[in-house]
């Protein structure tokens, strides 16, 4: 059962990291047009 939890954690972290990487990339490219300092 522990292996299933480990795999679930891996998938969760993998997709979470991809989300934040995409968000960071978007913000870096569009920071001026968003009006955020």
N, C-alpha and C. Protein backbone atom coordinates (compact mmCIF):
# COMPACT_ATOMS: atom_id res chain seq x y z
N UNK A 1 0.82 -1.19 0.00
CA UNK A 1 0.00 0.00 0.00
C UNK A 1 0.86 1.26 0.00
N UNK A 2 2.00 1.21 0.67
CA UNK A 2 2.88 2.38 0.72
C UNK A 2 3.36 2.77 -0.68
N UNK A 3 3.56 1.77 -1.54
CA UNK A 3 3.99 2.07 -2.90
C UNK A 3 2.94 2.88 -3.64
N UNK A 4 1.68 2.59 -3.41
CA UNK A 4 0.60 3.35 -4.05
C UNK A 4 0.60 4.79 -3.57
N UNK A 5 0.80 4.99 -2.29
CA UNK A 5 0.86 6.36 -1.77
C UNK A 5 2.06 7.10 -2.34
N UNK A 6 3.19 6.43 -2.44
CA UNK A 6 4.38 7.07 -2.98
C UNK A 6 4.15 7.48 -4.43
N UNK A 7 3.52 6.62 -5.21
CA UNK A 7 3.24 6.95 -6.60
C UNK A 7 2.26 8.11 -6.68
N UNK A 8 1.24 8.10 -5.82
CA UNK A 8 0.27 9.19 -5.81
C UNK A 8 0.95 10.51 -5.45
N UNK A 9 1.85 10.48 -4.49
CA UNK A 9 2.58 11.69 -4.11
C UNK A 9 3.47 12.16 -5.26
N UNK A 10 4.10 11.22 -5.94
CA UNK A 10 4.94 11.58 -7.09
C UNK A 10 4.12 12.29 -8.15
N UNK A 11 2.98 11.73 -8.49
CA UNK A 11 2.12 12.32 -9.52
C UNK A 11 1.63 13.70 -9.07
N UNK A 12 1.22 13.80 -7.83
CA UNK A 12 0.75 15.08 -7.29
C UNK A 12 1.83 16.15 -7.39
N UNK A 13 3.03 15.80 -6.96
CA UNK A 13 4.13 16.77 -7.00
C UNK A 13 4.53 17.10 -8.43
N UNK A 14 4.52 16.10 -9.30
CA UNK A 14 4.91 16.32 -10.69
C UNK A 14 3.98 17.30 -11.37
N UNK A 15 2.66 17.10 -11.22
CA UNK A 15 1.71 18.01 -11.85
C UNK A 15 1.71 19.36 -11.17
N UNK A 16 1.89 19.40 -9.85
CA UNK A 16 1.95 20.66 -9.13
C UNK A 16 3.16 21.46 -9.59
N UNK A 17 4.31 20.81 -9.72
CA UNK A 17 5.51 21.49 -10.18
C UNK A 17 5.34 22.01 -11.60
N UNK A 18 4.69 21.23 -12.46
CA UNK A 18 4.45 21.69 -13.83
C UNK A 18 3.54 22.90 -13.84
N UNK A 19 2.54 22.92 -12.98
CA UNK A 19 1.64 24.07 -12.90
C UNK A 19 2.41 25.32 -12.51
N UNK A 20 3.23 25.22 -11.47
CA UNK A 20 3.96 26.40 -11.00
C UNK A 20 5.01 26.84 -12.01
N UNK A 21 5.61 25.92 -12.71
CA UNK A 21 6.57 26.29 -13.75
C UNK A 21 5.87 27.04 -14.87
N UNK A 22 4.69 26.59 -15.25
CA UNK A 22 3.92 27.28 -16.29
C UNK A 22 3.47 28.65 -15.81
N UNK A 23 3.03 28.74 -14.56
CA UNK A 23 2.60 30.03 -14.01
C UNK A 23 3.78 31.00 -13.97
N UNK A 24 4.93 30.54 -13.55
CA UNK A 24 6.11 31.40 -13.49
C UNK A 24 6.49 31.89 -14.88
N UNK A 25 6.47 31.00 -15.85
CA UNK A 25 6.80 31.37 -17.21
C UNK A 25 5.83 32.41 -17.75
N UNK A 26 4.54 32.20 -17.50
CA UNK A 26 3.51 33.14 -17.95
C UNK A 26 3.70 34.51 -17.31
N UNK A 27 3.93 34.52 -16.00
CA UNK A 27 4.10 35.79 -15.30
C UNK A 27 5.34 36.53 -15.79
N UNK A 28 6.42 35.83 -16.01
CA UNK A 28 7.63 36.47 -16.50
C UNK A 28 7.40 37.09 -17.87
N UNK A 29 6.64 36.43 -18.72
CA UNK A 29 6.40 36.91 -20.07
C UNK A 29 5.36 38.04 -20.12
N UNK A 30 4.45 38.08 -19.14
CA UNK A 30 3.33 39.02 -19.22
C UNK A 30 3.22 39.97 -18.03
N UNK A 31 4.25 40.10 -17.25
CA UNK A 31 4.19 40.90 -16.03
C UNK A 31 3.82 42.35 -16.32
N UNK A 32 4.38 42.94 -17.34
CA UNK A 32 4.09 44.35 -17.66
C UNK A 32 2.62 44.56 -18.02
N UNK A 33 2.05 43.67 -18.78
CA UNK A 33 0.66 43.85 -19.21
C UNK A 33 -0.35 43.54 -18.11
N UNK A 34 0.09 42.88 -17.04
CA UNK A 34 -0.82 42.55 -15.94
C UNK A 34 -0.93 43.68 -14.92
N UNK A 35 -0.01 44.62 -14.95
CA UNK A 35 -0.04 45.73 -14.01
C UNK A 35 0.28 45.33 -12.59
N UNK A 36 1.09 44.31 -12.43
CA UNK A 36 1.49 43.82 -11.10
C UNK A 36 2.94 44.23 -10.87
N UNK A 37 3.21 44.75 -9.69
CA UNK A 37 4.59 45.13 -9.39
C UNK A 37 5.24 44.13 -8.47
